[in-house]
Amino acid sequence: MKEEILILSLDDHRCLDPSLVGFKAANLARALREGFPVPPGFCLTTSASRLLRESGGSFPQALREEVSRALRSLPPGRLAVRSSATVEDSSSFSFAGQASTFLDVEPENLEEAILNCVASLDNPQARSYRAFHNLPAGEMAILIQLMVPADKAGVAFTRDPVTGEEVVVIEAVRGFGEALVSGQAQPERYRVKGMTPESGGEILSPGEVQAVAGMALALERIFGCPQDVEWCC
């Protein structure tokens, strides 16, 4: 019987397979292989997630040992624990915000965050989203990455999200980007056309605006479609 893969490093070529790690992790693995500055991390595969769901909320010892080994391969620091479902961040449906993300997680609290993230695939919000879009339940992988101590962060759109115009729109807040994506903070907005900033603000310098816009457009060329990219400094 073939042994199931439970954990993959984000830089493992097998992490490019969304059936193993979901679309979010697979997309980040591809960006990492293309040389983009993706925070280091590892992924509990769909098999590991299935094992956790079947264990009734406990952490099997074999998986605990693999998580400990993977954690030791990362630099010390707090962690981001993120869902990466096989119906999430695909080319057709974003599934954004339907499952849970846990930020600034201390390593000693990692198991609890993983279990809560796995359980969130079945929360009422996620079930309602799948029912509305007639999506299957799919499977979940869990992405663990080193937390970046951000001074400023946000989202960059390679097309205007309202008009569809071919202009990069950057939204920026001070501190972590979670305040922006959760709607808790009002962002500054920057527009960049042809790598020339059309508007400015106080959070980002002109050089930072160009760097974020250039990275977003490079990702659009690699993935072959408009992108919205989470970034931080």
C-alpha atoms as a PDB file:
ATOM      1  CA  MET A   1       0.000   0.000   0.000  1.00  0.00           C
ATOM      2  CA  LYS A   2       1.404   3.383  -0.989  1.00  0.00           C
ATOM      3  CA  GLU A   3       2.235   5.629   1.971  1.00  0.00           C
ATOM      4  CA  GLU A   4       0.239   8.847   1.992  1.00  0.00           C
ATOM      5  CA  ILE A   5       2.093  12.157   1.936  1.00  0.00           C
ATOM      6  CA  LEU A   6       1.202  14.176   5.032  1.00  0.00           C
ATOM      7  CA  ILE A   7       3.520  17.205   4.901  1.00  0.00           C
ATOM      8  CA  LEU A   8       5.318  18.992   2.071  1.00  0.00           C
ATOM      9  CA  SER A   9       7.690  21.918   2.214  1.00  0.00           C
ATOM     10  CA  LEU A  10       6.503  24.851   0.149  1.00  0.00           C
ATOM     11  CA  ASP A  11       9.626  24.532  -1.998  1.00  0.00           C
ATOM     12  CA  ASP A  12       8.959  20.834  -2.757  1.00  0.00           C
ATOM     13  CA  HIS A  13       7.962  20.378  -6.420  1.00  0.00           C
ATOM     14  CA  ARG A  14       5.015  18.200  -5.315  1.00  0.00           C
ATOM     15  CA  CYS A  15       3.564  21.314  -3.663  1.00  0.00           C
ATOM     16  CA  LEU A  16       2.631  22.482  -7.170  1.00  0.00           C
ATOM     17  CA  ASP A  17      -0.195  19.911  -7.201  1.00  0.00           C
ATOM     18  CA  PRO A  18      -3.461  21.489  -5.934  1.00  0.00           C
ATOM     19  CA  SER A  19      -4.977  18.058  -5.364  1.00  0.00           C
ATOM     20  CA  LEU A  20      -2.349  17.566  -2.645  1.00  0.00           C
ATOM     21  CA  VAL A  21      -2.142  21.057  -1.146  1.00  0.00           C
ATOM     22  CA  GLY A  22      -5.067  23.103  -2.479  1.00  0.00           C
ATOM     23  CA  PHE A  23      -4.848  26.032  -4.869  1.00  0.00           C
ATOM     24  CA  LYS A  24      -3.571  28.672  -2.447  1.00  0.00           C
ATOM     25  CA  ALA A  25      -0.485  26.668  -1.471  1.00  0.00           C
ATOM     26  CA  ALA A  26       0.075  25.463  -5.048  1.00  0.00           C
ATOM     27  CA  ASN A  27      -0.026  29.038  -6.375  1.00  0.00           C
ATOM     28  CA  LEU A  28       2.403  30.222  -3.701  1.00  0.00           C
ATOM     29  CA  ALA A  29       4.702  27.277  -4.425  1.00  0.00           C
ATOM     30  CA  ARG A  30       4.745  28.256  -8.082  1.00  0.00           C
ATOM     31  CA  ALA A  31       5.490  31.893  -7.229  1.00  0.00           C
ATOM     32  CA  LEU A  32       8.322  30.742  -4.941  1.00  0.00           C
ATOM     33  CA  ARG A  33       9.837  28.615  -7.726  1.00  0.00           C
ATOM     34  CA  GLU A  34       9.684  31.654 -10.028  1.00  0.00           C
ATOM     35  CA  GLY A  35      11.823  33.609  -7.562  1.00  0.00           C
ATOM     36  CA  PHE A  36       9.229  35.721  -5.772  1.00  0.00           C
ATOM     37  CA  PRO A  37       9.748  36.505  -2.055  1.00  0.00           C
ATOM     38  CA  VAL A  38       7.201  34.085  -0.577  1.00  0.00           C
ATOM     39  CA  PRO A  39       7.572  33.553   3.196  1.00  0.00           C
ATOM     40  CA  PRO A  40       8.963  30.064   3.917  1.00  0.00           C
ATOM     41  CA  GLY A  41       6.582  27.392   5.088  1.00  0.00           C
ATOM     42  CA  PHE A  42       5.135  23.926   4.747  1.00  0.00           C
ATOM     43  CA  CYS A  43       1.787  22.387   4.017  1.00  0.00           C
ATOM     44  CA  LEU A  44      -0.284  19.722   5.702  1.00  0.00           C
ATOM     45  CA  THR A  45      -1.699  17.914   2.691  1.00  0.00           C
ATOM     46  CA  THR A  46      -5.296  16.971   2.012  1.00  0.00           C
ATOM     47  CA  SER A  47      -4.416  13.506   3.350  1.00  0.00           C
ATOM     48  CA  ALA A  48      -3.227  15.005   6.645  1.00  0.00           C
ATOM     49  CA  SER A  49      -6.348  17.128   6.887  1.00  0.00           C
ATOM     50  CA  ARG A  50      -8.525  14.091   6.214  1.00  0.00           C
ATOM     51  CA  LEU A  51      -6.662  12.228   8.964  1.00  0.00           C
ATOM     52  CA  LEU A  52      -7.356  15.069  11.404  1.00  0.00           C
ATOM     53  CA  ARG A  53     -11.041  15.160  10.490  1.00  0.00           C
ATOM     54  CA  GLU A  54     -11.309  11.418  11.029  1.00  0.00           C
ATOM     55  CA  SER A  55      -9.492  11.633  14.376  1.00  0.00           C
ATOM     56  CA  GLY A  56     -12.336  13.588  15.940  1.00  0.00           C
ATOM     57  CA  GLY A  57     -10.375  16.662  16.940  1.00  0.00           C
ATOM     58  CA  SER A  58      -7.227  14.978  18.273  1.00  0.00           C
ATOM     59  CA  PHE A  59      -3.721  15.104  16.812  1.00  0.00           C
ATOM     60  CA  PRO A  60      -2.294  11.698  15.779  1.00  0.00           C
ATOM     61  CA  GLN A  61       1.207  11.165  17.156  1.00  0.00           C
ATOM     62  CA  ALA A  62       2.744  10.367  13.764  1.00  0.00           C
ATOM     63  CA  LEU A  63       1.467  13.645  12.338  1.00  0.00           C
ATOM     64  CA  ARG A  64       2.578  15.535  15.449  1.00  0.00           C
ATOM     65  CA  GLU A  65       6.124  14.287  14.909  1.00  0.00           C
ATOM     66  CA  GLU A  66       6.095  15.311  11.229  1.00  0.00           C
ATOM     67  CA  VAL A  67       4.807  18.795  12.099  1.00  0.00           C
ATOM     68  CA  SER A  68       7.579  19.158  14.694  1.00  0.00           C
ATOM     69  CA  ARG A  69      10.219  18.200  12.118  1.00  0.00           C
ATOM     70  CA  ALA A  70       8.806  20.628   9.562  1.00  0.00           C
ATOM     71  CA  LEU A  71       8.672  23.392  12.162  1.00  0.00           C
ATOM     72  CA  ARG A  72      12.343  22.913  13.001  1.00  0.00           C
ATOM     73  CA  SER A  73      13.188  23.513   9.335  1.00  0.00           C
ATOM     74  CA  LEU A  74      11.829  27.078   9.566  1.00  0.00           C
ATOM     75  CA  PRO A  75      13.548  30.086  11.149  1.00  0.00           C
ATOM     76  CA  PRO A  76      12.214  30.822  14.647  1.00  0.00           C
ATOM     77  CA  GLY A  77       9.199  33.099  14.851  1.00  0.00           C
ATOM     78  CA  ARG A  78       5.449  33.313  14.956  1.00  0.00           C
ATOM     79  CA  LEU A  79       3.360  31.656  12.285  1.00  0.00           C
ATOM     80  CA  ALA A  80       0.454  32.178   9.908  1.00  0.00           C
ATOM     81  CA  VAL A  81      -1.914  29.201   9.639  1.00  0.00           C
ATOM     82  CA  ARG A  82      -4.025  29.402   6.482  1.00  0.00           C
ATOM     83  CA  SER A  83      -6.615  27.269   4.774  1.00  0.00           C
ATOM     84  CA  SER A  84      -5.810  25.965   1.296  1.00  0.00           C
ATOM     85  CA  ALA A  85      -8.853  24.096   0.047  1.00  0.00           C
ATOM     86  CA  THR A  86      -9.158  22.352  -3.291  1.00  0.00           C
ATOM     87  CA  VAL A  87     -12.115  24.646  -4.088  1.00  0.00           C
ATOM     88  CA  GLU A  88     -10.288  27.777  -2.879  1.00  0.00           C
ATOM     89  CA  ASP A  89      -8.333  30.311  -4.971  1.00  0.00           C
ATOM     90  CA  SER A  90      -9.070  28.418  -8.189  1.00  0.00           C
ATOM     91  CA  SER A  91      -9.475  30.171 -11.535  1.00  0.00           C
ATOM     92  CA  SER A  92     -13.269  30.145 -11.115  1.00  0.00           C
ATOM     93  CA  PHE A  93     -13.944  30.709  -7.394  1.00  0.00           C
ATOM     94  CA  SER A  94     -11.906  32.504  -4.742  1.00  0.00           C
ATOM     95  CA  PHE A  95     -13.609  31.049  -1.641  1.00  0.00           C
ATOM     96  CA  ALA A  96     -11.870  33.973   0.073  1.00  0.00           C
ATOM     97  CA  GLY A  97     -12.635  34.374   3.758  1.00  0.00           C
ATOM     98  CA  GLN A  98     -14.907  31.332   3.963  1.00  0.00           C
ATOM     99  CA  ALA A  99     -12.456  29.231   5.995  1.00  0.00           C
ATOM    100  CA  SER A 100     -10.377  30.467   8.910  1.00  0.00           C
ATOM    101  CA  THR A 101      -6.921  32.005   8.961  1.00  0.00           C
ATOM    102  CA  PHE A 102      -4.914  32.392  12.168  1.00  0.00           C
ATOM    103  CA  LEU A 103      -2.116  34.946  12.331  1.00  0.00           C
ATOM    104  CA  ASP A 104       0.703  35.576  14.818  1.00  0.00           C
ATOM    105  CA  VAL A 105       0.438  32.013  16.150  1.00  0.00           C
ATOM    106  CA  GLU A 106       3.031  30.991  18.728  1.00  0.00           C
ATOM    107  CA  PRO A 107       4.652  27.638  17.820  1.00  0.00           C
ATOM    108  CA  GLU A 108       3.312  26.037  21.011  1.00  0.00           C
ATOM    109  CA  ASN A 109      -0.234  26.885  19.856  1.00  0.00           C
ATOM    110  CA  LEU A 110       0.225  25.546  16.340  1.00  0.00           C
ATOM    111  CA  GLU A 111      -1.694  22.281  16.789  1.00  0.00           C
ATOM    112  CA  GLU A 112      -4.778  24.087  18.096  1.00  0.00           C
ATOM    113  CA  ALA A 113      -4.694  26.546  15.187  1.00  0.00           C
ATOM    114  CA  ILE A 114      -4.377  23.682  12.677  1.00  0.00           C
ATOM    115  CA  LEU A 115      -7.349  21.824  14.169  1.00  0.00           C
ATOM    116  CA  ASN A 116      -9.482  24.976  14.141  1.00  0.00           C
ATOM    117  CA  CYS A 117      -8.503  25.689  10.554  1.00  0.00           C
ATOM    118  CA  VAL A 118      -9.458  22.168   9.461  1.00  0.00           C
ATOM    119  CA  ALA A 119     -12.803  22.424  11.264  1.00  0.00           C
ATOM    120  CA  SER A 120     -13.607  25.719   9.525  1.00  0.00           C
ATOM    121  CA  LEU A 121     -14.174  23.913   6.206  1.00  0.00           C
ATOM    122  CA  ASP A 122     -17.502  22.844   7.678  1.00  0.00           C
ATOM    123  CA  ASN A 123     -18.548  26.155   9.228  1.00  0.00           C
ATOM    124  CA  PRO A 124     -21.959  27.580   8.205  1.00  0.00           C
ATOM    125  CA  GLN A 125     -20.385  30.337   6.107  1.00  0.00           C
ATOM    126  CA  ALA A 126     -18.317  27.895   4.039  1.00  0.00           C
ATOM    127  CA  ARG A 127     -21.234  25.490   3.602  1.00  0.00           C
ATOM    128  CA  SER A 128     -23.491  28.341   2.482  1.00  0.00           C
ATOM    129  CA  TYR A 129     -20.895  29.566  -0.049  1.00  0.00           C
ATOM    130  CA  ARG A 130     -20.529  26.073  -1.539  1.00  0.00           C
ATOM    131  CA  ALA A 131     -24.290  25.624  -1.727  1.00  0.00           C
ATOM    132  CA  PHE A 132     -24.803  29.017  -3.421  1.00  0.00           C
ATOM    133  CA  HIS A 133     -22.167  28.255  -6.083  1.00  0.00           C
ATOM    134  CA  ASN A 134     -23.103  24.557  -6.333  1.00  0.00           C
ATOM    135  CA  LEU A 135     -19.575  23.515  -5.341  1.00  0.00           C
ATOM    136  CA  PRO A 136     -18.522  20.161  -3.891  1.00  0.00           C
ATOM    137  CA  ALA A 137     -17.217  20.086  -0.334  1.00  0.00           C
ATOM    138  CA  GLY A 138     -13.714  19.472  -1.639  1.00  0.00           C
ATOM    139  CA  GLU A 139     -10.801  18.868   0.674  1.00  0.00           C
ATOM    140  CA  MET A 140      -8.612  21.114   2.731  1.00  0.00           C
ATOM    141  CA  ALA A 141      -4.880  21.409   3.139  1.00  0.00           C
ATOM    142  CA  ILE A 142      -3.325  23.660   5.768  1.00  0.00           C
ATOM    143  CA  LEU A 143      -0.564  26.114   4.897  1.00  0.00           C
ATOM    144  CA  ILE A 144       1.843  27.167   7.660  1.00  0.00           C
ATOM    145  CA  GLN A 145       4.176  30.060   6.910  1.00  0.00           C
ATOM    146  CA  LEU A 146       6.562  32.201   8.872  1.00  0.00           C
ATOM    147  CA  MET A 147       4.771  35.372   9.948  1.00  0.00           C
ATOM    148  CA  VAL A 148       6.252  38.534   8.445  1.00  0.00           C
ATOM    149  CA  PRO A 149       6.499  41.413  10.989  1.00  0.00           C
ATOM    150  CA  ALA A 150       4.997  43.897   8.547  1.00  0.00           C
ATOM    151  CA  ASP A 151       5.349  47.671   8.836  1.00  0.00           C
ATOM    152  CA  LYS A 152       2.930  48.165   5.953  1.00  0.00           C
ATOM    153  CA  ALA A 153       0.828  45.766   3.921  1.00  0.00           C
ATOM    154  CA  GLY A 154      -2.099  45.468   1.571  1.00  0.00           C
ATOM    155  CA  VAL A 155      -3.423  44.130  -1.720  1.00  0.00           C
ATOM    156  CA  ALA A 156      -2.416  44.951  -5.294  1.00  0.00           C
ATOM    157  CA  PHE A 157      -4.869  44.436  -8.164  1.00  0.00           C
ATOM    158  CA  THR A 158      -3.497  44.211 -11.709  1.00  0.00           C
ATOM    159  CA  ARG A 159      -6.849  45.456 -12.996  1.00  0.00           C
ATOM    160  CA  ASP A 160      -9.070  48.070 -11.418  1.00  0.00           C
ATOM    161  CA  PRO A 161     -11.426  45.866  -9.338  1.00  0.00           C
ATOM    162  CA  VAL A 162     -14.381  48.181 -10.049  1.00  0.00           C
ATOM    163  CA  THR A 163     -13.947  49.205 -13.703  1.00  0.00           C
ATOM    164  CA  GLY A 164     -11.646  46.482 -15.058  1.00  0.00           C
ATOM    165  CA  GLU A 165      -9.309  49.159 -16.454  1.00  0.00           C
ATOM    166  CA  GLU A 166      -5.744  48.005 -17.146  1.00  0.00           C
ATOM    167  CA  VAL A 167      -4.218  49.900 -14.254  1.00  0.00           C
ATOM    168  CA  VAL A 168      -2.628  48.559 -11.081  1.00  0.00           C
ATOM    169  CA  VAL A 169      -4.571  49.539  -7.971  1.00  0.00           C
ATOM    170  CA  ILE A 170      -2.696  49.192  -4.685  1.00  0.00           C
ATOM    171  CA  GLU A 171      -4.420  49.340  -1.316  1.00  0.00           C
ATOM    172  CA  ALA A 172      -2.135  49.911   1.686  1.00  0.00           C
ATOM    173  CA  VAL A 173      -2.463  50.085   5.470  1.00  0.00           C
ATOM    174  CA  ARG A 174       0.101  50.372   8.234  1.00  0.00           C
ATOM    175  CA  GLY A 175       0.932  47.160  10.051  1.00  0.00           C
ATOM    176  CA  PHE A 176      -0.532  43.798   9.083  1.00  0.00           C
ATOM    177  CA  GLY A 177      -2.738  43.422   6.022  1.00  0.00           C
ATOM    178  CA  GLU A 178      -5.397  41.524   7.973  1.00  0.00           C
ATOM    179  CA  ALA A 179      -6.889  44.841   9.081  1.00  0.00           C
ATOM    180  CA  LEU A 180      -7.518  45.632   5.408  1.00  0.00           C
ATOM    181  CA  VAL A 181      -8.897  42.294   4.193  1.00  0.00           C
ATOM    182  CA  SER A 182     -11.160  42.030   7.251  1.00  0.00           C
ATOM    183  CA  GLY A 183     -12.559  45.524   6.641  1.00  0.00           C
ATOM    184  CA  GLN A 184     -11.243  46.941   9.931  1.00  0.00           C
ATOM    185  CA  ALA A 185      -9.070  49.634   8.333  1.00  0.00           C
ATOM    186  CA  GLN A 186      -9.623  52.154   5.556  1.00  0.00           C
ATOM    187  CA  PRO A 187      -6.714  51.855   3.108  1.00  0.00           C
ATOM    188  CA  GLU A 188      -4.807  54.399   1.110  1.00  0.00           C
ATOM    189  CA  ARG A 189      -5.198  53.727  -2.620  1.00  0.00           C
ATOM    190  CA  TYR A 190      -2.559  54.152  -5.297  1.00  0.00           C
ATOM    191  CA  ARG A 191      -3.004  53.852  -9.065  1.00  0.00           C
ATOM    192  CA  VAL A 192      -0.130  52.881 -11.351  1.00  0.00           C
ATOM    193  CA  LYS A 193      -0.411  52.924 -15.145  1.00  0.00           C
ATOM    194  CA  GLY A 194       2.486  51.802 -17.293  1.00  0.00           C
ATOM    195  CA  MET A 195       4.642  51.693 -14.141  1.00  0.00           C
ATOM    196  CA  THR A 196       3.964  55.415 -13.613  1.00  0.00           C
ATOM    197  CA  PRO A 197       2.182  56.265 -10.331  1.00  0.00           C
ATOM    198  CA  GLU A 198      -0.943  58.347 -11.028  1.00  0.00           C
ATOM    199  CA  SER A 199      -1.738  59.000  -7.367  1.00  0.00           C
ATOM    200  CA  GLY A 200       0.175  58.947  -4.109  1.00  0.00           C
ATOM    201  CA  GLY A 201      -0.176  58.776  -0.370  1.00  0.00           C
ATOM    202  CA  GLU A 202       1.750  58.783   2.882  1.00  0.00           C
ATOM    203  CA  ILE A 203       2.175  55.066   3.567  1.00  0.00           C
ATOM    204  CA  LEU A 204       4.199  53.997   0.523  1.00  0.00           C
ATOM    205  CA  SER A 205       7.129  55.783  -1.078  1.00  0.00           C
ATOM    206  CA  PRO A 206       7.138  56.118  -4.885  1.00  0.00           C
ATOM    207  CA  GLY A 207       9.782  53.388  -5.054  1.00  0.00           C
ATOM    208  CA  GLU A 208       7.675  51.026  -2.951  1.00  0.00           C
ATOM    209  CA  VAL A 209       4.633  51.709  -5.135  1.00  0.00           C
ATOM    210  CA  GLN A 210       6.615  50.803  -8.243  1.00  0.00           C
ATOM    211  CA  ALA A 211       8.071  47.691  -6.585  1.00  0.00           C
ATOM    212  CA  VAL A 212       4.641  46.381  -5.552  1.00  0.00           C
ATOM    213  CA  ALA A 213       3.126  47.167  -8.958  1.00  0.00           C
ATOM    214  CA  GLY A 214       6.026  45.515 -10.773  1.00  0.00           C
ATOM    215  CA  MET A 215       5.717  42.360  -8.689  1.00  0.00           C
ATOM    216  CA  ALA A 216       1.959  42.148  -9.259  1.00  0.00           C
ATOM    217  CA  LEU A 217       2.323  42.569 -13.022  1.00  0.00           C
ATOM    218  CA  ALA A 218       5.099  39.955 -13.121  1.00  0.00           C
ATOM    219  CA  LEU A 219       2.783  37.501 -11.354  1.00  0.00           C
ATOM    220  CA  GLU A 220       0.048  38.277 -13.879  1.00  0.00           C
ATOM    221  CA  ARG A 221       2.428  37.349 -16.700  1.00  0.00           C
ATOM    222  CA  ILE A 222       3.337  34.059 -15.010  1.00  0.00           C
ATOM    223  CA  PHE A 223      -0.220  32.998 -14.170  1.00  0.00           C
ATOM    224  CA  GLY A 224      -1.698  34.335 -17.396  1.00  0.00           C
ATOM    225  CA  CYS A 225      -4.655  36.200 -15.893  1.00  0.00           C
ATOM    226  CA  PRO A 226      -5.394  39.276 -13.738  1.00  0.00           C
ATOM    227  CA  GLN A 227      -4.182  38.936 -10.168  1.00  0.00           C
ATOM    228  CA  ASP A 228      -4.905  40.301  -6.733  1.00  0.00           C
ATOM    229  CA  VAL A 229      -1.776  39.932  -4.639  1.00  0.00           C
ATOM    230  CA  GLU A 230      -1.311  40.213  -0.902  1.00  0.00           C
ATOM    231  CA  TRP A 231       1.962  42.019  -0.184  1.00  0.00           C
ATOM    232  CA  CYS A 232       3.836  43.488   2.765  1.00  0.00           C
ATOM    233  CA  CYS A 233       6.973  45.462   3.564  1.00  0.00           C
END
